[in-house]
């Protein structure tokens, strides 16, 4: 478990379970502009993509070992990270249409038949589910509430995630909110 804390706080700001958490993982997460986890124990795995970006795996159903990939611009990397953990990607959450976020959607749809690809508008490649602002849906054991955060693009979506019977929360913001620059 890697737990990052806000300056002067004893409460975890970011907590990520990984196979081998290290100080390097913590440093990587601090620099990651694509994820904000608030006091959470979700299983989230950052997957470096392109030169300076990240996709994320979010374990949605621990019993069935299924997960969602958030913005897998390089799907082979997300699929490999899932395979390493014995997980299967059955869902993609796309925050917006830019290539460094949605650029891998067509490829992952071809590799994983029947995969659900969520997004905010028709510019999302291979989209199978168009989300509606503030209308929750369920992925495995998690509840996801898409929130349109119109600023970076005209259809940016942030995905607010909560777990069952837990006050823990996470939000995946794409390029709408940046941490550490």
Protein backbone atom coordinates (compact mmCIF):
# COMPACT_ATOMS: atom_id res chain seq x y z
CA UNK A 1 0.00 0.00 0.00
CA UNK A 2 1.30 3.40 -0.92
CA UNK A 3 -0.33 6.18 1.08
CA UNK A 4 0.48 9.76 0.22
CA UNK A 5 -0.43 12.45 2.70
CA UNK A 6 -1.16 16.13 2.23
CA UNK A 7 1.38 18.35 3.94
CA UNK A 8 0.73 18.42 7.68
CA UNK A 9 -2.10 15.88 7.55
CA UNK A 10 -2.29 12.40 9.01
CA UNK A 11 -5.10 11.43 6.62
CA UNK A 12 -4.12 9.74 3.35
CA UNK A 13 -4.61 11.91 0.29
CA UNK A 14 -3.83 9.13 -2.16
CA UNK A 15 -3.67 5.42 -1.42
CA UNK A 16 -2.91 2.88 -4.11
CA UNK A 17 -2.40 -0.83 -3.77
CA UNK A 18 0.18 -2.26 -6.10
CA UNK A 19 2.25 -5.40 -6.40
CA UNK A 20 5.40 -3.68 -5.19
CA UNK A 21 4.79 -0.19 -3.80
CA UNK A 22 7.93 1.89 -3.68
CA UNK A 23 9.05 5.44 -3.04
CA UNK A 24 9.30 5.76 -6.83
CA UNK A 25 5.61 4.83 -7.12
CA UNK A 26 4.75 7.50 -4.56
CA UNK A 27 6.81 10.06 -6.45
CA UNK A 28 5.12 9.06 -9.72
CA UNK A 29 1.68 9.47 -8.19
CA UNK A 30 2.50 12.88 -6.80
CA UNK A 31 3.44 14.05 -10.28
CA UNK A 32 0.41 12.42 -11.92
CA UNK A 33 -2.00 15.05 -13.28
CA UNK A 34 -4.71 12.55 -14.16
CA UNK A 35 -5.97 11.23 -10.83
CA UNK A 36 -7.19 12.58 -7.58
CA UNK A 37 -8.04 10.04 -4.91
CA UNK A 38 -9.35 11.39 -1.65
CA UNK A 39 -8.83 9.15 1.38
CA UNK A 40 -9.55 6.00 -0.57
CA UNK A 41 -8.64 2.34 -0.38
CA UNK A 42 -9.77 1.49 -3.92
CA UNK A 43 -7.39 -0.62 -5.85
CA UNK A 44 -6.05 1.73 -8.51
CA UNK A 45 -3.02 1.09 -10.66
CA UNK A 46 -1.40 3.94 -12.62
CA UNK A 47 -0.15 2.85 -16.04
CA UNK A 48 2.36 5.19 -17.71
CA UNK A 49 1.42 5.90 -21.33
CA UNK A 50 2.95 7.92 -24.12
CA UNK A 51 5.85 10.03 -22.86
CA UNK A 52 4.13 11.96 -20.09
CA UNK A 53 0.65 10.62 -19.46
CA UNK A 54 -1.15 7.95 -17.46
CA UNK A 55 -4.01 5.54 -17.79
CA UNK A 56 -5.46 3.92 -14.67
CA UNK A 57 -6.85 0.53 -13.84
CA UNK A 58 -9.69 0.62 -11.33
CA UNK A 59 -10.60 -2.77 -9.82
CA UNK A 60 -14.39 -2.77 -10.06
CA UNK A 61 -15.20 -6.30 -8.93
CA UNK A 62 -12.56 -8.01 -6.75
CA UNK A 63 -14.45 -11.33 -6.72
CA UNK A 64 -14.48 -11.56 -10.52
CA UNK A 65 -11.19 -9.69 -10.96
CA UNK A 66 -12.66 -7.26 -13.47
CA UNK A 67 -11.47 -3.71 -13.85
CA UNK A 68 -12.07 -0.52 -15.76
CA UNK A 69 -9.33 1.25 -17.67
CA UNK A 70 -9.45 5.03 -17.48
CA UNK A 71 -8.12 6.80 -20.59
CA UNK A 72 -6.01 3.89 -21.98
CA UNK A 73 -4.29 5.75 -24.82
CA UNK A 74 -1.96 2.77 -25.25
CA UNK A 75 -4.26 -0.20 -24.64
CA UNK A 76 -1.53 -2.83 -24.84
CA UNK A 77 0.10 -1.30 -21.74
CA UNK A 78 -3.19 -1.25 -19.81
CA UNK A 79 -3.98 -4.83 -20.87
CA UNK A 80 -0.51 -6.00 -19.84
CA UNK A 81 -0.81 -4.30 -16.43
CA UNK A 82 -4.21 -5.98 -15.92
CA UNK A 83 -2.85 -9.39 -16.99
CA UNK A 84 0.05 -9.07 -14.52
CA UNK A 85 -2.53 -8.85 -11.73
CA UNK A 86 -4.83 -11.55 -13.08
CA UNK A 87 -7.50 -8.96 -13.93
CA UNK A 88 -9.68 -8.55 -17.01
CA UNK A 89 -10.55 -5.14 -18.45
CA UNK A 90 -14.25 -5.06 -19.31
CA UNK A 91 -14.84 -1.29 -19.31
CA UNK A 92 -13.17 1.91 -20.49
CA UNK A 93 -13.95 5.28 -18.90
CA UNK A 94 -12.96 8.08 -21.29
CA UNK A 95 -12.65 11.59 -19.88
CA UNK A 96 -12.47 13.40 -23.23
CA UNK A 97 -11.79 12.93 -26.93
CA UNK A 98 -8.13 13.99 -27.20
CA UNK A 99 -5.80 11.31 -28.50
CA UNK A 100 -3.73 11.09 -25.32
CA UNK A 101 -6.91 9.93 -23.53
CA UNK A 102 -9.21 8.35 -26.12
CA UNK A 103 -6.63 7.42 -28.75
CA UNK A 104 -6.57 3.75 -27.76
CA UNK A 105 -10.32 3.17 -27.71
CA UNK A 106 -10.63 1.73 -31.22
CA UNK A 107 -7.71 -0.64 -30.61
CA UNK A 108 -8.96 -1.89 -27.24
CA UNK A 109 -12.44 -2.41 -28.74
CA UNK A 110 -10.86 -4.59 -31.44
CA UNK A 111 -8.80 -6.56 -28.89
CA UNK A 112 -11.57 -7.01 -26.29
CA UNK A 113 -14.86 -7.83 -28.03
CA UNK A 114 -17.89 -6.50 -26.20
CA UNK A 115 -15.94 -4.06 -24.02
CA UNK A 116 -18.07 -1.16 -22.74
CA UNK A 117 -16.58 2.22 -23.61
CA UNK A 118 -18.09 5.20 -21.77
CA UNK A 119 -17.74 8.81 -22.90
CA UNK A 120 -19.37 12.19 -23.09
CA UNK A 121 -19.94 12.79 -26.81
CA UNK A 122 -19.70 11.31 -30.30
CA UNK A 123 -16.03 12.29 -30.65
CA UNK A 124 -15.08 9.41 -28.32
CA UNK A 125 -13.84 6.59 -30.53
CA UNK A 126 -15.62 3.22 -30.19
CA UNK A 127 -17.98 4.65 -27.55
CA UNK A 128 -20.76 2.22 -26.62
CA UNK A 129 -22.29 4.16 -23.71
CA UNK A 130 -22.86 7.91 -23.78
CA UNK A 131 -22.95 9.16 -20.21
CA UNK A 132 -25.38 11.76 -18.94
CA UNK A 133 -24.37 14.36 -16.40
CA UNK A 134 -24.99 13.26 -12.81
CA UNK A 135 -26.72 9.99 -13.81
CA UNK A 136 -24.99 7.22 -11.86
CA UNK A 137 -24.20 3.76 -13.14
CA UNK A 138 -22.68 0.69 -11.54
CA UNK A 139 -19.42 -1.03 -12.44
CA UNK A 140 -19.05 -4.22 -10.41
CA UNK A 141 -19.18 -3.18 -6.76
CA UNK A 142 -18.62 0.52 -7.47
CA UNK A 143 -20.99 3.38 -8.23
CA UNK A 144 -19.82 5.88 -10.83
CA UNK A 145 -21.34 9.33 -11.27
CA UNK A 146 -20.23 11.12 -14.45
CA UNK A 147 -19.97 14.87 -13.99
CA UNK A 148 -19.58 17.08 -17.02
CA UNK A 149 -16.68 19.40 -16.32
CA UNK A 150 -16.85 21.59 -19.38
CA UNK A 151 -13.61 23.52 -19.55
CA UNK A 152 -10.74 21.60 -21.15
CA UNK A 153 -13.11 20.41 -23.88
CA UNK A 154 -16.80 20.94 -24.51
CA UNK A 155 -17.58 17.41 -23.32
CA UNK A 156 -15.01 16.69 -20.59
CA UNK A 157 -16.30 14.18 -18.07
CA UNK A 158 -15.01 13.55 -14.56
CA UNK A 159 -15.94 10.18 -13.08
CA UNK A 160 -16.78 10.28 -9.37
CA UNK A 161 -16.46 6.79 -7.90
CA UNK A 162 -17.72 5.41 -4.59
CA UNK A 163 -17.55 1.95 -3.11
CA UNK A 164 -20.22 -0.12 -1.40
CA UNK A 165 -20.94 0.66 2.25
CA UNK A 166 -17.91 2.91 2.45
CA UNK A 167 -17.35 6.65 2.64
CA UNK A 168 -14.34 6.27 0.34
CA UNK A 169 -14.36 8.26 -2.89
CA UNK A 170 -12.30 8.87 -6.02
CA UNK A 171 -12.59 11.15 -9.01
CA UNK A 172 -10.87 10.72 -12.37
CA UNK A 173 -10.68 14.12 -14.03
CA UNK A 174 -8.70 13.77 -17.25
CA UNK A 175 -7.20 17.18 -18.03
CA UNK A 176 -9.72 19.16 -16.00
CA UNK A 177 -7.85 19.13 -12.70
CA UNK A 178 -4.09 18.91 -12.37
CA UNK A 179 -2.12 17.93 -9.28
CA UNK A 180 1.38 19.40 -8.88
CA UNK A 181 1.42 21.33 -12.14
